[in-house]
Amino acid sequence: MRCLRVFFDGACEPVNPGGVGAYGFAVFDGEREVYGEGGVVCVGERWCTNNYAEYSALVKALEWALSNGVECVAVYGDSQLVVRQVVGEYAVRAPHLKPLYERALELAGRFKGFSISWVPRGENSRADYYSKRAYCDYLKARPELRERYSRWLATGRQLAALRRLGVEADVCLTRAEASRLIRRLGRG
């Protein structure tokens, strides 16, 4: 049976918990990407966490696969927690994750073939791309959120410094990410 490879990722930015929870997933048939999607699942709530976004990504990916007639999936994610919980190595203790965990198991059971494995972050770049794009598009369209999260987002001075270094940085960049980039590029 031919299985599609499905990569999922989620993040809560610019602060975890309580930021903008975004998901992403990418579907591959062999080496060819056949579908990718990202979206926002929560904003500002205390339960809005990286793990919530990761589980949401897994659920959204499995729902997409089933709705498109896929019978076998090999799923990959860089969240050790989610992967280990789904395979039964870890218990799910967080109340806000239990419904997503149960939904993921229910969906997984509907495939003729299902596997889930952990991959290093570097091997999950397409799913990461979709989650980051969803987060950034959402933040760009909502100036009130940029103001709300301003203490975690890159400052005007940081963005100007990056421009001087030849980087057209996005308003979604965090202060910490901007500082790392400035240090790294400033040495080069």
Protein backbone atom coordinates (compact mmCIF):
# COMPACT_ATOMS: atom_id res chain seq x y z
CA MET A 1 0.00 0.00 0.00
CA ARG A 2 1.36 3.39 -1.00
CA CYS A 3 1.51 5.87 1.85
CA LEU A 4 1.67 9.62 1.63
CA ARG A 5 4.19 11.33 3.89
CA VAL A 6 2.66 14.03 6.07
CA PHE A 7 4.74 16.53 8.04
CA PHE A 8 3.07 18.65 10.74
CA ASP A 9 4.23 21.56 12.88
CA GLY A 10 2.80 24.17 15.20
CA ALA A 11 3.99 27.19 17.12
CA CYS A 12 2.72 29.77 19.55
CA GLU A 13 4.38 33.09 18.74
CA PRO A 14 5.68 35.56 19.76
CA VAL A 15 5.14 34.28 23.29
CA ASN A 16 4.28 30.83 24.63
CA PRO A 17 1.76 30.46 26.17
CA GLY A 18 -0.68 33.16 25.21
CA GLY A 19 0.52 34.12 21.77
CA VAL A 20 -0.84 33.32 18.34
CA GLY A 21 -1.13 29.55 17.90
CA ALA A 22 -0.53 28.56 14.29
CA TYR A 23 -0.37 25.19 12.57
CA GLY A 24 1.12 23.95 9.34
CA PHE A 25 1.33 20.71 7.46
CA ALA A 26 2.81 19.51 4.19
CA VAL A 27 1.84 16.37 2.27
CA PHE A 28 4.26 14.53 0.00
CA ASP A 29 3.75 11.79 -2.56
CA GLY A 30 7.28 10.49 -2.85
CA GLU A 31 9.47 13.58 -3.09
CA ARG A 32 6.75 15.78 -4.60
CA GLU A 33 4.79 18.10 -2.33
CA VAL A 34 1.13 17.69 -3.21
CA TYR A 35 -0.47 19.94 -0.59
CA GLY A 36 0.39 22.40 2.14
CA GLU A 37 -1.70 24.37 4.57
CA GLY A 38 -1.40 26.65 7.55
CA GLY A 39 -3.77 28.49 9.81
CA VAL A 40 -4.35 30.07 13.20
CA VAL A 41 -6.10 28.02 15.92
CA CYS A 42 -5.95 30.27 19.00
CA VAL A 43 -4.95 33.78 20.05
CA GLY A 44 -4.04 35.07 23.48
CA GLU A 45 -5.68 32.42 25.63
CA ARG A 46 -3.65 30.96 28.49
CA TRP A 47 -4.14 27.49 27.00
CA CYS A 48 -2.85 28.65 23.62
CA THR A 49 0.53 26.89 23.58
CA ASN A 50 3.05 25.35 21.22
CA ASN A 51 1.70 21.91 22.13
CA TYR A 52 -1.88 22.95 21.37
CA ALA A 53 -0.76 24.26 17.97
CA GLU A 54 1.23 21.05 17.29
CA TYR A 55 -1.76 18.84 18.06
CA SER A 56 -3.99 21.08 15.95
CA ALA A 57 -1.58 20.64 13.04
CA LEU A 58 -1.70 16.86 13.38
CA VAL A 59 -5.51 16.83 13.54
CA LYS A 60 -5.87 19.21 10.56
CA ALA A 61 -3.43 17.09 8.50
CA LEU A 62 -5.25 13.84 9.27
CA GLU A 63 -8.64 15.43 8.52
CA TRP A 64 -7.30 16.68 5.18
CA ALA A 65 -5.91 13.25 4.27
CA LEU A 66 -9.16 11.45 5.10
CA SER A 67 -11.30 14.01 3.27
CA ASN A 68 -9.13 13.46 0.18
CA GLY A 69 -9.47 9.68 0.19
CA VAL A 70 -5.98 8.91 1.47
CA GLU A 71 -5.84 5.44 3.03
CA CYS A 72 -2.28 5.31 4.31
CA VAL A 73 -0.12 8.02 5.91
CA ALA A 74 3.36 8.09 7.38
CA VAL A 75 3.23 11.12 9.67
CA TYR A 76 6.27 13.08 10.89
CA GLY A 77 6.55 15.85 13.45
CA ASP A 78 9.29 17.56 15.44
CA SER A 79 7.27 17.59 18.66
CA GLN A 80 8.57 14.73 20.77
CA LEU A 81 5.70 15.27 23.21
CA VAL A 82 2.96 14.87 20.60
CA VAL A 83 4.61 11.90 18.89
CA ARG A 84 5.31 10.09 22.16
CA GLN A 85 1.80 10.71 23.43
CA VAL A 86 0.20 9.44 20.22
CA VAL A 87 2.27 6.23 20.28
CA GLY A 88 1.43 5.73 23.95
CA GLU A 89 4.85 6.34 25.52
CA TYR A 90 3.67 9.42 27.44
CA ALA A 91 0.37 10.09 29.15
CA VAL A 92 -1.67 13.16 28.23
CA ARG A 93 -2.08 15.17 31.41
CA ALA A 94 -2.89 18.63 30.12
CA PRO A 95 -6.68 19.04 30.02
CA HIS A 96 -6.57 21.41 27.04
CA LEU A 97 -4.71 18.79 24.96
CA LYS A 98 -6.90 15.76 25.73
CA PRO A 99 -9.67 16.53 23.20
CA LEU A 100 -7.08 17.05 20.43
CA TYR A 101 -5.22 13.88 21.43
CA GLU A 102 -8.46 11.87 21.39
CA ARG A 103 -9.42 13.35 18.00
CA ALA A 104 -5.97 12.49 16.58
CA LEU A 105 -6.29 8.86 17.75
CA GLU A 106 -9.83 8.60 16.36
CA LEU A 107 -8.67 9.93 12.98
CA ALA A 108 -5.54 7.74 12.94
CA GLY A 109 -7.72 4.68 13.47
CA ARG A 110 -9.65 5.41 10.28
CA PHE A 111 -6.62 4.85 8.01
CA LYS A 112 -5.75 1.43 6.58
CA GLY A 113 -2.12 2.31 7.29
CA PHE A 114 -0.88 4.82 9.86
CA SER A 115 2.49 5.51 11.43
CA ILE A 116 3.86 8.50 13.29
CA SER A 117 7.52 9.31 13.91
CA TRP A 118 9.62 12.10 15.31
CA VAL A 119 11.97 14.01 12.99
CA PRO A 120 14.53 16.73 13.79
CA ARG A 121 13.30 20.29 13.21
CA GLY A 122 15.51 20.63 10.13
CA GLU A 123 13.61 17.82 8.39
CA ASN A 124 10.28 19.52 9.05
CA SER A 125 10.92 22.74 7.16
CA ARG A 126 7.86 22.74 4.88
CA ALA A 127 5.36 22.28 7.73
CA ASP A 128 7.28 24.92 9.70
CA TYR A 129 7.04 27.25 6.69
CA TYR A 130 3.23 26.94 6.57
CA SER A 131 2.80 27.53 10.31
CA LYS A 132 5.11 30.56 10.30
CA ARG A 133 3.45 32.02 7.21
CA ALA A 134 -0.01 31.62 8.80
CA TYR A 135 1.20 33.31 12.00
CA CYS A 136 2.88 36.17 10.19
CA ASP A 137 -0.01 36.80 7.76
CA TYR A 138 -2.39 36.85 10.73
CA LEU A 139 -0.21 39.27 12.69
CA LYS A 140 0.34 41.58 9.70
CA ALA A 141 -3.40 41.89 9.16
CA ARG A 142 -4.02 42.88 12.80
CA PRO A 143 -2.12 45.98 13.97
CA GLU A 144 -3.85 45.75 17.37
CA LEU A 145 -2.15 42.37 17.93
CA ARG A 146 1.22 43.76 16.90
CA GLU A 147 0.69 46.43 19.56
CA ARG A 148 -0.45 43.83 22.12
CA TYR A 149 2.66 41.71 21.52
CA SER A 150 5.08 44.59 20.93
CA ARG A 151 7.29 43.78 23.92
CA TRP A 152 8.17 40.43 22.27
CA LEU A 153 8.44 41.62 18.66
CA ALA A 154 11.54 43.10 17.04
CA THR A 155 11.96 46.82 17.67
CA GLY A 156 12.20 49.45 14.97
CA ARG A 157 15.92 49.81 15.78
CA GLN A 158 16.47 46.08 15.32
CA LEU A 159 14.62 46.04 12.01
CA ALA A 160 16.66 49.05 10.82
CA ALA A 161 19.91 47.33 11.87
CA LEU A 162 18.92 44.23 9.94
CA ARG A 163 18.14 46.33 6.84
CA ARG A 164 21.61 47.87 7.09
CA LEU A 165 22.99 44.30 7.20
CA GLY A 166 21.09 43.47 4.00
CA VAL A 167 18.17 41.59 5.57
CA GLU A 168 14.61 42.65 4.84
CA ALA A 169 13.19 41.47 8.16
CA ASP A 170 9.52 40.94 8.80
CA VAL A 171 7.45 42.62 11.49
CA CYS A 172 6.72 39.10 12.82
CA LEU A 173 10.31 38.58 13.92
CA THR A 174 10.77 38.37 17.68
CA ARG A 175 13.27 40.50 19.57
CA ALA A 176 15.31 37.40 20.43
CA GLU A 177 15.40 36.24 16.79
CA ALA A 178 16.39 39.72 15.64
CA SER A 179 19.20 39.91 18.22
CA ARG A 180 20.55 36.52 17.12
CA LEU A 181 20.49 37.56 13.48
CA ILE A 182 22.21 40.87 14.18
CA ARG A 183 24.95 39.14 16.18
CA ARG A 184 25.48 36.46 13.56
CA LEU A 185 25.45 38.79 10.56
CA GLY A 186 27.44 41.50 12.35
CA ARG A 187 30.35 39.07 12.76
CA GLY A 188 30.26 37.93 9.12
